[in-house]
Protein backbone atom coordinates (compact mmCIF):
# COMPACT_ATOMS: atom_id res chain seq x y z
CA MET A 1 86.65 99.07 45.33
CA ASN A 2 85.67 102.70 45.38
CA ARG A 3 88.40 104.86 46.93
CA SER A 4 86.02 106.61 49.40
CA ILE A 5 84.60 103.27 50.60
CA SER A 6 88.12 101.91 51.03
CA SER A 7 89.15 105.01 53.02
CA PHE A 8 86.03 104.74 55.18
CA LEU A 9 86.70 101.05 55.95
CA THR A 10 90.32 101.78 56.81
CA LEU A 11 89.30 104.64 59.11
CA THR A 12 86.59 102.52 60.78
CA ALA A 13 88.95 99.57 61.33
CA GLY A 14 91.58 101.89 62.80
CA THR A 15 89.05 103.44 65.17
CA LEU A 16 87.85 100.05 66.35
CA LEU A 17 91.38 98.80 66.91
CA SER A 18 92.43 101.93 68.78
CA THR A 19 89.47 101.73 71.17
CA SER A 20 90.25 98.13 72.07
CA VAL A 21 93.92 98.88 72.69
CA PHE A 22 93.54 101.82 75.08
CA ALA A 23 91.86 101.41 78.45
CA ALA A 24 89.15 103.73 79.67
CA SER A 25 90.11 106.26 82.30
CA LEU A 26 88.97 105.64 85.87
CA ASP A 27 90.36 108.94 87.13
CA GLY A 28 87.86 110.68 89.40
CA THR A 29 85.16 108.03 89.12
CA GLN A 30 83.15 107.00 92.17
CA TRP A 31 81.89 103.49 92.89
CA GLN A 32 79.35 101.94 95.26
CA THR A 33 80.81 98.83 96.91
CA ILE A 34 78.60 95.83 97.50
CA ASP A 35 79.65 93.12 99.96
CA ASP A 36 80.13 89.83 98.09
CA LYS A 37 78.87 87.81 101.08
CA THR A 38 75.87 89.84 102.27
CA GLY A 39 74.89 91.87 99.20
CA GLU A 40 74.92 94.94 101.47
CA LYS A 41 76.01 98.37 100.20
CA LYS A 42 79.05 99.30 102.27
CA ALA A 43 81.00 102.29 101.03
CA ILE A 44 81.77 104.74 98.26
CA ILE A 45 85.22 104.55 96.68
CA GLN A 46 86.86 107.20 94.54
CA LEU A 47 89.45 106.07 92.02
CA TYR A 48 92.25 108.22 90.70
CA GLU A 49 95.19 107.81 88.35
CA ASN A 50 98.76 108.92 88.92
CA ASN A 51 101.67 108.10 86.62
CA GLY A 52 99.64 105.44 84.80
CA ARG A 53 98.59 103.66 88.00
CA VAL A 54 95.11 103.51 89.52
CA SER A 55 94.54 103.89 93.26
CA GLY A 56 91.38 104.25 95.28
CA LYS A 57 90.24 105.47 98.66
CA ILE A 58 87.11 105.15 100.74
CA ILE A 59 85.37 108.51 100.71
CA LYS A 60 82.23 107.45 102.58
CA VAL A 61 81.28 104.53 104.83
CA LEU A 62 77.52 103.98 104.64
CA ASP A 63 77.05 102.37 108.07
CA ARG A 64 76.92 105.33 110.50
CA GLU A 65 78.34 103.25 113.36
CA LYS A 66 81.39 102.31 111.28
CA ALA A 67 81.88 105.72 109.65
CA LYS A 68 84.16 106.97 112.46
CA ALA A 69 86.08 103.70 112.82
CA VAL A 70 89.85 103.39 112.38
CA CYS A 71 91.74 100.56 110.73
CA THR A 72 93.24 98.91 113.82
CA LYS A 73 94.34 95.82 111.88
CA CYS A 74 95.87 97.57 108.87
CA PRO A 75 99.62 97.28 108.28
CA GLY A 76 102.29 99.98 108.40
CA SER A 77 101.30 103.59 107.86
CA LEU A 78 97.62 102.62 107.43
CA LYS A 79 97.39 101.33 111.01
CA ASN A 80 94.94 103.34 113.13
CA GLN A 81 94.00 105.58 110.19
CA PRO A 82 90.31 106.50 109.76
CA ILE A 83 88.44 104.14 107.43
CA GLU A 84 86.92 107.15 105.64
CA GLY A 85 89.80 108.52 103.58
CA LEU A 86 91.75 105.24 103.71
CA ARG A 87 93.60 104.34 100.51
CA ILE A 88 92.61 100.73 99.93
CA LEU A 89 93.76 100.25 96.30
CA THR A 90 97.22 101.06 94.97
CA GLY A 91 99.39 100.52 91.93
CA LEU A 92 96.89 99.00 89.48
CA LYS A 93 98.34 99.16 85.97
CA ALA A 94 96.17 99.26 82.82
CA ASP A 95 96.65 96.32 80.47
CA GLY A 96 94.92 98.04 77.53
CA ASN A 97 91.65 96.11 77.58
CA ASN A 98 89.58 97.85 80.31
CA ARG A 99 91.47 95.83 82.89
CA TRP A 100 93.95 96.88 85.53
CA ARG A 101 96.28 94.45 87.28
CA ASP A 102 99.35 94.07 89.48
CA GLY A 103 97.95 96.24 92.25
CA LYS A 104 97.53 95.84 95.98
CA LEU A 105 94.37 96.13 98.03
CA VAL A 106 93.78 96.33 101.74
CA ASP A 107 90.73 94.87 103.45
CA PRO A 108 90.05 97.40 106.23
CA GLU A 109 88.06 94.83 108.24
CA SER A 110 90.82 92.22 108.42
CA GLY A 111 93.86 94.41 107.70
CA LYS A 112 95.05 91.86 105.14
CA VAL A 113 96.80 92.98 101.96
CA TYR A 114 95.99 91.18 98.71
CA SER A 115 97.10 91.31 95.11
CA GLY A 116 94.35 92.80 93.02
CA LYS A 117 92.91 93.42 89.61
CA LEU A 118 89.96 95.37 88.20
CA THR A 119 87.81 94.78 85.14
CA LEU A 120 85.48 97.47 83.79
CA SER A 121 82.24 96.22 82.21
CA ASP A 122 81.61 96.90 78.52
CA ASN A 123 79.01 99.56 79.36
CA GLY A 124 81.31 101.18 81.96
CA GLN A 125 78.71 100.97 84.74
CA SER A 126 80.21 98.19 86.85
CA LEU A 127 83.68 97.28 87.99
CA ASP A 128 84.74 93.78 89.04
CA LEU A 129 87.38 93.78 91.76
CA ARG A 130 89.34 90.57 92.44
CA GLY A 131 91.56 90.27 95.50
CA TYR A 132 93.78 87.21 95.79
CA VAL A 133 96.86 85.63 97.30
CA GLY A 134 99.36 84.15 94.83
CA THR A 135 97.05 83.48 91.89
CA PRO A 136 93.62 84.94 91.02
CA LEU A 137 92.17 81.43 91.41
CA PHE A 138 92.47 81.82 95.18
CA GLY A 139 90.57 84.95 96.10
CA ARG A 140 87.30 86.83 96.32
CA SER A 141 85.49 89.13 93.95
CA GLN A 142 83.17 92.07 94.36
CA THR A 143 81.20 94.00 91.77
CA TRP A 144 81.04 97.73 92.29
CA GLN A 145 78.44 100.00 90.67
CA ARG A 146 79.36 103.36 89.15
CA ILE A 147 77.89 106.41 90.85
CA LYS A 148 76.74 109.01 88.35
């Protein structure tokens, strides 16, 4: 095989492997949440990374009546905090395949805390969020849309 073709194939294979091993960054991205039961647009979430972990907070509640609400049912330091600005995702760790796992998420409506994981779509425009108790088989999912 020609040396330049061999070098090109090696470089191409290395590039493909490296992109599948490293996860995309979610730092600073904003997402439109869509209620999995009603299909209604509910809020805008901003994600950020710190020490290799992804967290997220509600930066805007779309329902004007709920925009000034506080999280009366949330646990611990989140109790009675405003919904806008509330950190609802914490500690999600990248697994190297556009997925993040082993995090916690808080449902501000019920105050319940769930284990959570995120999966970024191949085109990077949607994010699947799964909240569950015990195992991912027992939970709910939402698909969020990226805000450009």
